[in-house]
Amino acid sequence: MKKFVSIITLLLMINCVGNAQNSSKEQKTYKVEKTNAEWKKLLSPLQYYVLREAGTERAYTSEFNSNHKEGTYVCAACNTPLYKSEHKYESGSGWPSFDRAIEENVELDVDYKIGYARTELKCNTCGGHLGHSFDDGPRETTGKRHCINGVALKFIPTKK
């Protein structure tokens, strides 16, 4: 009986792995598409790691953590406006945090890179990885925390 259960378990595991590898999830096309070589020329090594390989910068290293100027945060890869400064807040997480995005410019996706589903945030123009969305943001606004890698952003101050 133990052999039978072991064989069934093994077959189920093989079937699950096989199905995951044969997944036919369509690859989204973006308005701005470049080869890896083109992105590497355009971006710094850290920007490439975060934006193109879905990496994460070290906490508390972004110059934007303490930026309180008025303006717009844009994608470092394609300059698409992503976040307005009035939606930025101090989350204490170590990364720039916003309670909402410029909706049509930020794509929500799901990633399972750490073993469970998380809401991944991407630039809707170039597909660059920005960070993740969590439900522990300010309750008086949206309740969302968009935890964003500062290296994925550029800041454009408002002209007065």
N, C-alpha and C. Protein backbone atom coordinates (compact mmCIF):
# COMPACT_ATOMS: atom_id res chain seq x y z
N MET A 1 0.81 -1.19 0.00
CA MET A 1 0.00 0.00 0.00
C MET A 1 0.86 1.26 0.00
N LYS A 2 1.97 1.25 0.80
CA LYS A 2 2.85 2.40 0.85
C LYS A 2 3.48 2.67 -0.51
N LYS A 3 3.85 1.58 -1.23
CA LYS A 3 4.42 1.74 -2.57
C LYS A 3 3.41 2.39 -3.51
N PHE A 4 2.17 1.94 -3.41
CA PHE A 4 1.11 2.47 -4.27
C PHE A 4 0.93 3.97 -4.03
N VAL A 5 0.87 4.39 -2.77
CA VAL A 5 0.71 5.81 -2.43
C VAL A 5 1.91 6.61 -2.91
N SER A 6 3.11 6.05 -2.75
CA SER A 6 4.33 6.73 -3.20
C SER A 6 4.33 6.91 -4.71
N ILE A 7 3.92 5.89 -5.43
CA ILE A 7 3.89 5.97 -6.90
C ILE A 7 2.86 7.00 -7.35
N ILE A 8 1.68 7.00 -6.75
CA ILE A 8 0.64 7.97 -7.10
C ILE A 8 1.13 9.39 -6.82
N THR A 9 1.75 9.59 -5.66
CA THR A 9 2.28 10.91 -5.30
C THR A 9 3.32 11.36 -6.30
N LEU A 10 4.23 10.48 -6.67
CA LEU A 10 5.27 10.80 -7.64
C LEU A 10 4.66 11.17 -8.99
N LEU A 11 3.67 10.41 -9.44
CA LEU A 11 3.01 10.70 -10.72
C LEU A 11 2.31 12.05 -10.69
N LEU A 12 1.67 12.36 -9.59
CA LEU A 12 1.00 13.66 -9.47
C LEU A 12 2.01 14.80 -9.51
N MET A 13 3.15 14.64 -8.84
CA MET A 13 4.18 15.67 -8.85
C MET A 13 4.74 15.88 -10.25
N ILE A 14 5.00 14.80 -10.95
CA ILE A 14 5.52 14.89 -12.32
C ILE A 14 4.49 15.58 -13.22
N ASN A 15 3.23 15.23 -13.06
CA ASN A 15 2.17 15.83 -13.87
C ASN A 15 2.07 17.33 -13.61
N CYS A 16 2.15 17.74 -12.34
CA CYS A 16 2.06 19.17 -12.01
C CYS A 16 3.23 19.94 -12.60
N VAL A 17 4.44 19.42 -12.48
CA VAL A 17 5.61 20.08 -13.04
C VAL A 17 5.49 20.15 -14.56
N GLY A 18 5.06 19.08 -15.17
CA GLY A 18 4.90 19.07 -16.62
C GLY A 18 3.88 20.08 -17.08
N ASN A 19 2.76 20.19 -16.37
CA ASN A 19 1.74 21.17 -16.75
C ASN A 19 2.22 22.59 -16.55
N ALA A 20 2.97 22.84 -15.49
CA ALA A 20 3.48 24.19 -15.25
C ALA A 20 4.45 24.60 -16.35
N GLN A 21 5.26 23.66 -16.81
CA GLN A 21 6.24 23.98 -17.84
C GLN A 21 5.58 24.16 -19.20
N ASN A 22 4.43 23.53 -19.42
CA ASN A 22 3.75 23.63 -20.70
C ASN A 22 2.67 24.70 -20.70
N SER A 23 2.64 25.52 -19.67
CA SER A 23 1.63 26.57 -19.59
C SER A 23 1.72 27.46 -20.81
N SER A 24 0.56 27.74 -21.39
CA SER A 24 0.56 28.54 -22.61
C SER A 24 0.11 29.96 -22.33
N LYS A 25 0.54 30.52 -21.22
CA LYS A 25 0.20 31.90 -20.88
C LYS A 25 0.76 32.81 -21.98
N GLU A 26 -0.14 33.60 -22.54
CA GLU A 26 0.28 34.49 -23.62
C GLU A 26 1.23 35.55 -23.09
N GLN A 27 2.23 35.85 -23.86
CA GLN A 27 3.18 36.89 -23.53
C GLN A 27 2.61 38.22 -23.99
N LYS A 28 2.45 39.17 -23.08
CA LYS A 28 1.90 40.47 -23.42
C LYS A 28 2.92 41.25 -24.23
N THR A 29 2.43 42.00 -25.21
CA THR A 29 3.31 42.91 -25.95
C THR A 29 3.10 44.31 -25.41
N TYR A 30 4.17 45.06 -25.35
CA TYR A 30 4.16 46.41 -24.81
C TYR A 30 4.47 47.41 -25.91
N LYS A 31 4.07 48.66 -25.70
CA LYS A 31 4.32 49.73 -26.68
C LYS A 31 5.81 49.93 -26.91
N VAL A 32 6.60 49.79 -25.84
CA VAL A 32 8.06 49.93 -25.94
C VAL A 32 8.66 48.55 -25.69
N GLU A 33 9.29 48.00 -26.70
CA GLU A 33 9.96 46.71 -26.58
C GLU A 33 11.38 46.84 -27.12
N LYS A 34 12.31 46.27 -26.40
CA LYS A 34 13.72 46.30 -26.79
C LYS A 34 14.33 44.94 -26.51
N THR A 35 15.44 44.67 -27.14
CA THR A 35 16.17 43.44 -26.84
C THR A 35 16.88 43.62 -25.49
N ASN A 36 17.30 42.52 -24.90
CA ASN A 36 18.06 42.60 -23.65
C ASN A 36 19.31 43.46 -23.83
N ALA A 37 19.98 43.33 -24.96
CA ALA A 37 21.18 44.13 -25.23
C ALA A 37 20.85 45.62 -25.27
N GLU A 38 19.73 45.97 -25.87
CA GLU A 38 19.32 47.38 -25.92
C GLU A 38 18.98 47.91 -24.53
N TRP A 39 18.28 47.10 -23.72
CA TRP A 39 17.97 47.53 -22.35
C TRP A 39 19.26 47.70 -21.54
N LYS A 40 20.22 46.81 -21.73
CA LYS A 40 21.48 46.90 -20.97
C LYS A 40 22.26 48.16 -21.32
N LYS A 41 22.16 48.62 -22.55
CA LYS A 41 22.82 49.87 -22.95
C LYS A 41 22.12 51.07 -22.34
N LEU A 42 20.81 50.99 -22.22
CA LEU A 42 19.99 52.11 -21.75
C LEU A 42 19.99 52.26 -20.23
N LEU A 43 20.03 51.14 -19.51
CA LEU A 43 19.87 51.13 -18.06
C LEU A 43 21.18 50.84 -17.33
N SER A 44 21.26 51.30 -16.09
CA SER A 44 22.41 50.93 -15.24
C SER A 44 22.26 49.45 -14.89
N PRO A 45 23.32 48.80 -14.42
CA PRO A 45 23.19 47.38 -14.03
C PRO A 45 22.09 47.14 -12.99
N LEU A 46 21.96 48.03 -12.00
CA LEU A 46 20.93 47.86 -10.98
C LEU A 46 19.54 48.09 -11.58
N GLN A 47 19.39 49.08 -12.43
CA GLN A 47 18.11 49.31 -13.09
C GLN A 47 17.72 48.11 -13.95
N TYR A 48 18.67 47.56 -14.67
CA TYR A 48 18.39 46.38 -15.50
C TYR A 48 17.93 45.21 -14.62
N TYR A 49 18.65 44.99 -13.53
CA TYR A 49 18.31 43.90 -12.60
C TYR A 49 16.88 44.05 -12.08
N VAL A 50 16.51 45.25 -11.68
CA VAL A 50 15.17 45.48 -11.12
C VAL A 50 14.11 45.49 -12.21
N LEU A 51 14.29 46.33 -13.21
CA LEU A 51 13.25 46.52 -14.23
C LEU A 51 13.07 45.34 -15.18
N ARG A 52 14.15 44.70 -15.57
CA ARG A 52 14.06 43.65 -16.59
C ARG A 52 14.12 42.24 -16.01
N GLU A 53 14.72 42.08 -14.80
CA GLU A 53 14.83 40.75 -14.20
C GLU A 53 14.00 40.61 -12.93
N ALA A 54 13.16 41.62 -12.65
CA ALA A 54 12.26 41.62 -11.49
C ALA A 54 13.02 41.49 -10.17
N GLY A 55 14.17 42.13 -10.11
CA GLY A 55 14.95 42.12 -8.87
C GLY A 55 14.43 43.15 -7.89
N THR A 56 15.09 43.24 -6.74
CA THR A 56 14.72 44.20 -5.70
C THR A 56 15.97 44.91 -5.22
N GLU A 57 15.91 46.24 -5.16
CA GLU A 57 17.03 46.99 -4.59
C GLU A 57 17.02 46.83 -3.08
N ARG A 58 18.16 47.08 -2.44
CA ARG A 58 18.23 46.99 -0.98
C ARG A 58 17.34 48.06 -0.35
N ALA A 59 16.71 47.71 0.75
CA ALA A 59 15.86 48.65 1.48
C ALA A 59 16.69 49.85 1.95
N TYR A 60 16.05 51.00 2.02
CA TYR A 60 16.62 52.24 2.53
C TYR A 60 17.77 52.78 1.68
N THR A 61 17.86 52.39 0.41
CA THR A 61 18.94 52.89 -0.44
C THR A 61 18.45 53.89 -1.48
N SER A 62 17.16 54.05 -1.64
CA SER A 62 16.64 54.93 -2.68
C SER A 62 16.67 56.39 -2.25
N GLU A 63 17.12 57.23 -3.16
CA GLU A 63 17.11 58.67 -2.92
C GLU A 63 15.68 59.19 -2.79
N PHE A 64 14.70 58.44 -3.28
CA PHE A 64 13.31 58.89 -3.27
C PHE A 64 12.60 58.60 -1.95
N ASN A 65 13.22 57.86 -1.05
CA ASN A 65 12.59 57.59 0.24
C ASN A 65 12.25 58.88 0.97
N SER A 66 13.14 59.84 0.92
CA SER A 66 12.94 61.10 1.65
C SER A 66 12.60 62.27 0.72
N ASN A 67 12.21 61.99 -0.49
CA ASN A 67 11.83 63.05 -1.42
C ASN A 67 10.40 63.51 -1.10
N HIS A 68 10.25 64.79 -0.78
CA HIS A 68 8.92 65.34 -0.46
C HIS A 68 8.54 66.46 -1.42
N LYS A 69 9.23 66.55 -2.54
CA LYS A 69 8.93 67.59 -3.53
C LYS A 69 7.69 67.22 -4.32
N GLU A 70 7.03 68.25 -4.88
CA GLU A 70 5.87 68.02 -5.73
C GLU A 70 6.35 67.64 -7.13
N GLY A 71 5.69 66.64 -7.70
CA GLY A 71 6.04 66.24 -9.05
C GLY A 71 5.47 64.89 -9.40
N THR A 72 6.05 64.30 -10.43
CA THR A 72 5.58 63.02 -10.94
C THR A 72 6.76 62.05 -11.03
N TYR A 73 6.52 60.83 -10.61
CA TYR A 73 7.51 59.76 -10.73
C TYR A 73 7.21 59.02 -12.03
N VAL A 74 8.24 58.88 -12.88
CA VAL A 74 8.08 58.23 -14.17
C VAL A 74 8.95 56.98 -14.23
N CYS A 75 8.65 56.11 -15.18
CA CYS A 75 9.43 54.89 -15.37
C CYS A 75 10.84 55.26 -15.80
N ALA A 76 11.84 54.70 -15.15
CA ALA A 76 13.24 54.97 -15.48
C ALA A 76 13.63 54.40 -16.85
N ALA A 77 12.84 53.46 -17.36
CA ALA A 77 13.17 52.85 -18.64
C ALA A 77 12.52 53.57 -19.82
N CYS A 78 11.28 54.06 -19.64
CA CYS A 78 10.56 54.60 -20.81
C CYS A 78 9.88 55.94 -20.55
N ASN A 79 10.05 56.50 -19.36
CA ASN A 79 9.51 57.82 -18.99
C ASN A 79 7.99 57.91 -18.91
N THR A 80 7.31 56.80 -18.77
CA THR A 80 5.85 56.82 -18.59
C THR A 80 5.53 57.32 -17.19
N PRO A 81 4.64 58.30 -17.04
CA PRO A 81 4.23 58.76 -15.71
C PRO A 81 3.53 57.63 -14.94
N LEU A 82 4.01 57.36 -13.72
CA LEU A 82 3.50 56.24 -12.94
C LEU A 82 2.81 56.65 -11.64
N TYR A 83 3.42 57.59 -10.92
CA TYR A 83 2.91 57.99 -9.60
C TYR A 83 3.02 59.50 -9.43
N LYS A 84 2.02 60.07 -8.76
CA LYS A 84 2.03 61.50 -8.41
C LYS A 84 2.52 61.65 -6.98
N SER A 85 3.27 62.71 -6.73
CA SER A 85 3.86 62.92 -5.40
C SER A 85 2.82 63.02 -4.30
N GLU A 86 1.61 63.51 -4.62
CA GLU A 86 0.59 63.64 -3.56
C GLU A 86 0.08 62.28 -3.06
N HIS A 87 0.42 61.21 -3.77
CA HIS A 87 0.01 59.87 -3.34
C HIS A 87 1.14 59.09 -2.68
N LYS A 88 2.27 59.75 -2.48
CA LYS A 88 3.41 59.14 -1.81
C LYS A 88 3.25 59.32 -0.30
N TYR A 89 3.65 58.32 0.47
CA TYR A 89 3.58 58.44 1.92
C TYR A 89 4.72 57.64 2.55
N GLU A 90 4.98 57.91 3.80
CA GLU A 90 6.04 57.23 4.55
C GLU A 90 5.50 55.93 5.13
N SER A 91 5.89 54.82 4.55
CA SER A 91 5.40 53.52 5.02
C SER A 91 6.34 52.88 6.04
N GLY A 92 7.58 53.34 6.08
CA GLY A 92 8.56 52.72 6.96
C GLY A 92 9.11 51.42 6.42
N SER A 93 8.77 51.07 5.18
CA SER A 93 9.20 49.79 4.59
C SER A 93 10.63 49.82 4.06
N GLY A 94 11.16 51.01 3.79
CA GLY A 94 12.49 51.11 3.22
C GLY A 94 12.48 51.36 1.72
N TRP A 95 11.29 51.41 1.13
CA TRP A 95 11.14 51.69 -0.30
C TRP A 95 10.11 52.80 -0.46
N PRO A 96 10.22 53.59 -1.53
CA PRO A 96 9.19 54.59 -1.79
C PRO A 96 7.82 53.90 -1.88
N SER A 97 6.82 54.50 -1.23
CA SER A 97 5.49 53.88 -1.19
C SER A 97 4.42 54.89 -1.60
N PHE A 98 3.45 54.38 -2.32
CA PHE A 98 2.35 55.19 -2.83
C PHE A 98 1.05 54.45 -2.55
N ASP A 99 -0.03 55.19 -2.33
CA ASP A 99 -1.31 54.52 -2.08
C ASP A 99 -2.11 54.28 -3.35
N ARG A 100 -1.63 54.78 -4.48
CA ARG A 100 -2.26 54.53 -5.77
C ARG A 100 -1.32 54.96 -6.88
N ALA A 101 -1.57 54.40 -8.06
CA ALA A 101 -0.78 54.72 -9.26
C ALA A 101 -1.61 55.57 -10.21
N ILE A 102 -0.97 56.05 -11.25
CA ILE A 102 -1.70 56.61 -12.38
C ILE A 102 -2.23 55.38 -13.09
N GLU A 103 -3.50 55.10 -12.86
CA GLU A 103 -4.10 53.78 -13.08
C GLU A 103 -3.79 53.13 -14.42
N GLU A 104 -4.00 53.82 -15.50
CA GLU A 104 -3.82 53.20 -16.82
C GLU A 104 -2.35 52.93 -17.15
N ASN A 105 -1.44 53.45 -16.35
CA ASN A 105 -0.01 53.32 -16.66
C ASN A 105 0.70 52.23 -15.86
N VAL A 106 0.03 51.66 -14.88
CA VAL A 106 0.63 50.60 -14.07
C VAL A 106 -0.21 49.34 -14.19
N GLU A 107 0.45 48.26 -14.56
CA GLU A 107 -0.19 46.96 -14.75
C GLU A 107 -0.04 46.13 -13.48
N LEU A 108 -1.11 45.45 -13.10
CA LEU A 108 -1.05 44.50 -11.98
C LEU A 108 -0.93 43.10 -12.55
N ASP A 109 0.04 42.36 -12.04
CA ASP A 109 0.28 40.99 -12.47
C ASP A 109 0.44 40.15 -11.21
N VAL A 110 0.60 38.86 -11.35
CA VAL A 110 0.82 37.99 -10.20
C VAL A 110 2.17 37.32 -10.36
N ASP A 111 2.94 37.31 -9.29
CA ASP A 111 4.18 36.53 -9.32
C ASP A 111 4.20 35.57 -8.15
N TYR A 112 4.86 34.44 -8.39
CA TYR A 112 4.96 33.37 -7.39
C TYR A 112 6.43 33.11 -7.03
N LYS A 113 7.29 34.11 -7.24
CA LYS A 113 8.73 33.90 -7.09
C LYS A 113 9.17 33.47 -5.69
N ILE A 114 8.40 33.82 -4.67
CA ILE A 114 8.80 33.42 -3.32
C ILE A 114 7.88 32.34 -2.75
N GLY A 115 7.15 31.66 -3.64
CA GLY A 115 6.37 30.50 -3.22
C GLY A 115 4.89 30.76 -3.00
N TYR A 116 4.47 32.01 -3.03
CA TYR A 116 3.04 32.31 -2.91
C TYR A 116 2.72 33.52 -3.80
N ALA A 117 1.46 33.72 -4.07
CA ALA A 117 1.04 34.78 -4.99
C ALA A 117 1.22 36.15 -4.36
N ARG A 118 1.83 37.06 -5.13
CA ARG A 118 1.93 38.47 -4.76
C ARG A 118 1.49 39.30 -5.97
N THR A 119 0.96 40.49 -5.72
CA THR A 119 0.59 41.37 -6.80
C THR A 119 1.81 42.17 -7.23
N GLU A 120 2.28 41.87 -8.43
CA GLU A 120 3.43 42.56 -8.99
C GLU A 120 2.96 43.78 -9.76
N LEU A 121 3.70 44.86 -9.66
CA LEU A 121 3.39 46.09 -10.37
C LEU A 121 4.41 46.28 -11.49
N LYS A 122 3.89 46.55 -12.70
CA LYS A 122 4.75 46.72 -13.87
C LYS A 122 4.35 47.99 -14.61
N CYS A 123 5.31 48.57 -15.31
CA CYS A 123 5.02 49.68 -16.20
C CYS A 123 4.19 49.12 -17.36
N ASN A 124 3.08 49.75 -17.65
CA ASN A 124 2.19 49.27 -18.70
C ASN A 124 2.68 49.63 -20.10
N THR A 125 3.74 50.42 -20.19
CA THR A 125 4.29 50.80 -21.49
C THR A 125 5.44 49.90 -21.91
N CYS A 126 6.33 49.56 -20.96
CA CYS A 126 7.51 48.76 -21.32
C CYS A 126 7.58 47.41 -20.59
N GLY A 127 6.69 47.18 -19.63
CA GLY A 127 6.69 45.93 -18.89
C GLY A 127 7.72 45.87 -17.78
N GLY A 128 8.38 46.98 -17.48
CA GLY A 128 9.40 47.00 -16.44
C GLY A 128 8.82 46.71 -15.06
N HIS A 129 9.50 45.87 -14.29
CA HIS A 129 9.10 45.53 -12.93
C HIS A 129 9.33 46.74 -12.03
N LEU A 130 8.30 47.14 -11.30
CA LEU A 130 8.39 48.28 -10.40
C LEU A 130 8.48 47.86 -8.93
N GLY A 131 7.68 46.90 -8.54
CA GLY A 131 7.61 46.46 -7.15
C GLY A 131 6.37 45.62 -6.95
N HIS A 132 5.76 45.74 -5.75
CA HIS A 132 4.58 44.94 -5.41
C HIS A 132 3.55 45.77 -4.67
N SER A 133 2.31 45.32 -4.72
CA SER A 133 1.21 45.98 -4.03
C SER A 133 0.79 45.14 -2.83
N PHE A 134 0.54 45.82 -1.70
CA PHE A 134 0.12 45.16 -0.48
C PHE A 134 -1.12 45.86 0.07
N ASP A 135 -1.86 45.18 0.90
CA ASP A 135 -3.10 45.73 1.47
C ASP A 135 -2.90 46.33 2.85
N ASP A 136 -1.72 46.87 3.13
CA ASP A 136 -1.45 47.46 4.44
C ASP A 136 -1.15 48.94 4.36
N GLY A 137 -1.74 49.60 3.36
CA GLY A 137 -1.54 51.03 3.17
C GLY A 137 -2.48 51.85 4.05
N PRO A 138 -2.47 53.16 3.85
CA PRO A 138 -3.30 54.05 4.68
C PRO A 138 -4.79 53.76 4.53
N ARG A 139 -5.45 53.47 5.64
CA ARG A 139 -6.88 53.13 5.62
C ARG A 139 -7.74 54.33 5.23
N GLU A 140 -7.26 55.54 5.52
CA GLU A 140 -8.06 56.72 5.20
C GLU A 140 -8.07 57.05 3.71
N THR A 141 -7.26 56.37 2.93
CA THR A 141 -7.28 56.58 1.47
C THR A 141 -7.68 55.27 0.80
N THR A 142 -6.73 54.56 0.20
CA THR A 142 -7.05 53.35 -0.57
C THR A 142 -6.81 52.05 0.20
N GLY A 143 -6.01 52.11 1.27
CA GLY A 143 -5.63 50.89 1.98
C GLY A 143 -4.53 50.11 1.27
N LYS A 144 -4.03 50.64 0.17
CA LYS A 144 -2.99 49.97 -0.62
C LYS A 144 -1.62 50.58 -0.33
N ARG A 145 -0.61 49.73 -0.46
CA ARG A 145 0.78 50.20 -0.42
C ARG A 145 1.47 49.68 -1.67
N HIS A 146 1.78 50.58 -2.57
CA HIS A 146 2.59 50.23 -3.73
C HIS A 146 4.03 50.43 -3.30
N CYS A 147 4.70 49.33 -3.05
CA CYS A 147 6.09 49.32 -2.57
C CYS A 147 6.98 49.26 -3.81
N ILE A 148 7.63 50.37 -4.13
CA ILE A 148 8.30 50.54 -5.42
C ILE A 148 9.81 50.66 -5.26
N ASN A 149 10.53 49.98 -6.12
CA ASN A 149 11.99 50.13 -6.18
C ASN A 149 12.30 51.52 -6.72
N GLY A 150 12.99 52.33 -5.93
CA GLY A 150 13.31 53.69 -6.35
C GLY A 150 14.13 53.74 -7.63
N VAL A 151 14.97 52.75 -7.85
CA VAL A 151 15.82 52.72 -9.03
C VAL A 151 14.98 52.53 -10.31
N ALA A 152 13.74 52.10 -10.17
CA ALA A 152 12.85 51.92 -11.32
C ALA A 152 12.17 53.24 -11.71
N LEU A 153 12.45 54.29 -10.92
CA LEU A 153 11.78 55.58 -11.13
C LEU A 153 12.75 56.69 -11.46
N LYS A 154 12.21 57.72 -12.12
CA LYS A 154 12.84 59.04 -12.23
C LYS A 154 11.82 60.02 -11.70
N PHE A 155 12.29 61.14 -11.16
CA PHE A 155 11.37 62.14 -10.61
C PHE A 155 11.40 63.38 -11.47
N ILE A 156 10.22 63.86 -11.85
CA ILE A 156 10.08 65.09 -12.62
C ILE A 156 9.37 66.10 -11.72
N PRO A 157 10.10 67.13 -11.23
CA PRO A 157 9.45 68.10 -10.32
C PRO A 157 8.43 68.96 -11.08
N THR A 158 7.41 69.37 -10.32
CA THR A 158 6.41 70.28 -10.88
C THR A 158 7.04 71.65 -11.06
N LYS A 159 6.83 72.23 -12.22
CA LYS A 159 7.36 73.59 -12.48
C LYS A 159 6.41 74.61 -11.88
N LYS A 160 6.97 75.56 -11.17
CA LYS A 160 6.13 76.57 -10.51
C LYS A 160 6.26 77.90 -11.20
